[in-house]
Amino acid sequence: MRHPFEYAQPLYNEVIFYLEQKWNRQLTEHERHVLIEGYRFGRMVEAENEITILQG
């Protein structure tokens, strides 16, 4: 069972692929982990903002 803001691997892969292409190199495991946590955080903030708008 997934927890809130835990997304399917393809969503992470898309972001990882984008940066690897932009930087023309593979990301390290640490960079991938930081990127995934940042992605989750960004989606959480986006969801909170949407809830605020809908409640306003």
C-alpha atoms as a PDB file:
ATOM      1  CA  MET A   1       0.000   0.000   0.000  1.00  0.00           C
ATOM      2  CA  ARG A   2       1.292   3.440  -0.880  1.00  0.00           C
ATOM      3  CA  HIS A   3       1.598   6.266   1.601  1.00  0.00           C
ATOM      4  CA  PRO A   4       0.536   9.829   0.752  1.00  0.00           C
ATOM      5  CA  PHE A   5       2.940  11.482  -1.690  1.00  0.00           C
ATOM      6  CA  GLU A   6       4.642   8.202  -2.543  1.00  0.00           C
ATOM      7  CA  TYR A   7       4.458   8.027  -6.325  1.00  0.00           C
ATOM      8  CA  ALA A   8       5.019   5.286  -8.850  1.00  0.00           C
ATOM      9  CA  GLN A   9       8.621   4.797  -9.997  1.00  0.00           C
ATOM     10  CA  PRO A  10       7.915   6.002 -13.580  1.00  0.00           C
ATOM     11  CA  LEU A  11       7.152   9.502 -12.250  1.00  0.00           C
ATOM     12  CA  TYR A  12      10.531   9.603 -10.522  1.00  0.00           C
ATOM     13  CA  ASN A  13      12.237   8.112 -13.572  1.00  0.00           C
ATOM     14  CA  GLU A  14      10.899  10.908 -15.770  1.00  0.00           C
ATOM     15  CA  VAL A  15      12.437  13.576 -13.519  1.00  0.00           C
ATOM     16  CA  ILE A  16      15.704  11.653 -13.168  1.00  0.00           C
ATOM     17  CA  PHE A  17      15.905  11.162 -16.949  1.00  0.00           C
ATOM     18  CA  TYR A  18      15.262  14.862 -17.534  1.00  0.00           C
ATOM     19  CA  LEU A  19      18.143  15.953 -15.294  1.00  0.00           C
ATOM     20  CA  GLU A  20      20.507  13.288 -16.609  1.00  0.00           C
ATOM     21  CA  GLN A  21      19.866  14.525 -20.143  1.00  0.00           C
ATOM     22  CA  LYS A  22      20.199  18.171 -19.132  1.00  0.00           C
ATOM     23  CA  TRP A  23      23.464  17.596 -17.231  1.00  0.00           C
ATOM     24  CA  ASN A  24      24.701  14.992 -19.737  1.00  0.00           C
ATOM     25  CA  ARG A  25      25.619  12.451 -17.034  1.00  0.00           C
ATOM     26  CA  GLN A  26      24.060   9.871 -14.740  1.00  0.00           C
ATOM     27  CA  LEU A  27      22.981  10.998 -11.299  1.00  0.00           C
ATOM     28  CA  THR A  28      24.582   9.433  -8.248  1.00  0.00           C
ATOM     29  CA  GLU A  29      22.439   7.446  -5.832  1.00  0.00           C
ATOM     30  CA  HIS A  30      22.583  10.361  -3.403  1.00  0.00           C
ATOM     31  CA  GLU A  31      21.443  12.819  -6.085  1.00  0.00           C
ATOM     32  CA  ARG A  32      18.590  10.495  -7.041  1.00  0.00           C
ATOM     33  CA  HIS A  33      17.486  10.208  -3.419  1.00  0.00           C
ATOM     34  CA  VAL A  34      17.575  13.988  -2.911  1.00  0.00           C
ATOM     35  CA  LEU A  35      15.696  14.501  -6.179  1.00  0.00           C
ATOM     36  CA  ILE A  36      12.952  12.057  -5.173  1.00  0.00           C
ATOM     37  CA  GLU A  37      12.544  13.664  -1.749  1.00  0.00           C
ATOM     38  CA  GLY A  38      12.411  17.096  -3.389  1.00  0.00           C
ATOM     39  CA  TYR A  39       9.802  15.841  -5.852  1.00  0.00           C
ATOM     40  CA  ARG A  40       7.657  14.522  -3.005  1.00  0.00           C
ATOM     41  CA  PHE A  41       7.998  17.789  -1.100  1.00  0.00           C
ATOM     42  CA  GLY A  42       7.071  19.838  -4.154  1.00  0.00           C
ATOM     43  CA  ARG A  43       3.988  17.734  -4.808  1.00  0.00           C
ATOM     44  CA  MET A  44       2.965  18.027  -1.143  1.00  0.00           C
ATOM     45  CA  VAL A  45       3.235  21.836  -1.250  1.00  0.00           C
ATOM     46  CA  GLU A  46       1.305  21.876  -4.523  1.00  0.00           C
ATOM     47  CA  ALA A  47      -1.486  19.771  -2.983  1.00  0.00           C
ATOM     48  CA  GLU A  48      -1.643  21.948   0.134  1.00  0.00           C
ATOM     49  CA  ASN A  49      -1.926  25.069  -2.009  1.00  0.00           C
ATOM     50  CA  GLU A  50      -4.719  23.517  -4.046  1.00  0.00           C
ATOM     51  CA  ILE A  51      -6.608  22.589  -0.870  1.00  0.00           C
ATOM     52  CA  THR A  52      -6.206  26.161   0.419  1.00  0.00           C
ATOM     53  CA  ILE A  53      -7.594  27.531  -2.857  1.00  0.00           C
ATOM     54  CA  LEU A  54     -10.558  25.151  -2.797  1.00  0.00           C
ATOM     55  CA  GLN A  55     -11.380  26.008   0.801  1.00  0.00           C
ATOM     56  CA  GLY A  56     -11.089  29.768   0.199  1.00  0.00           C
END
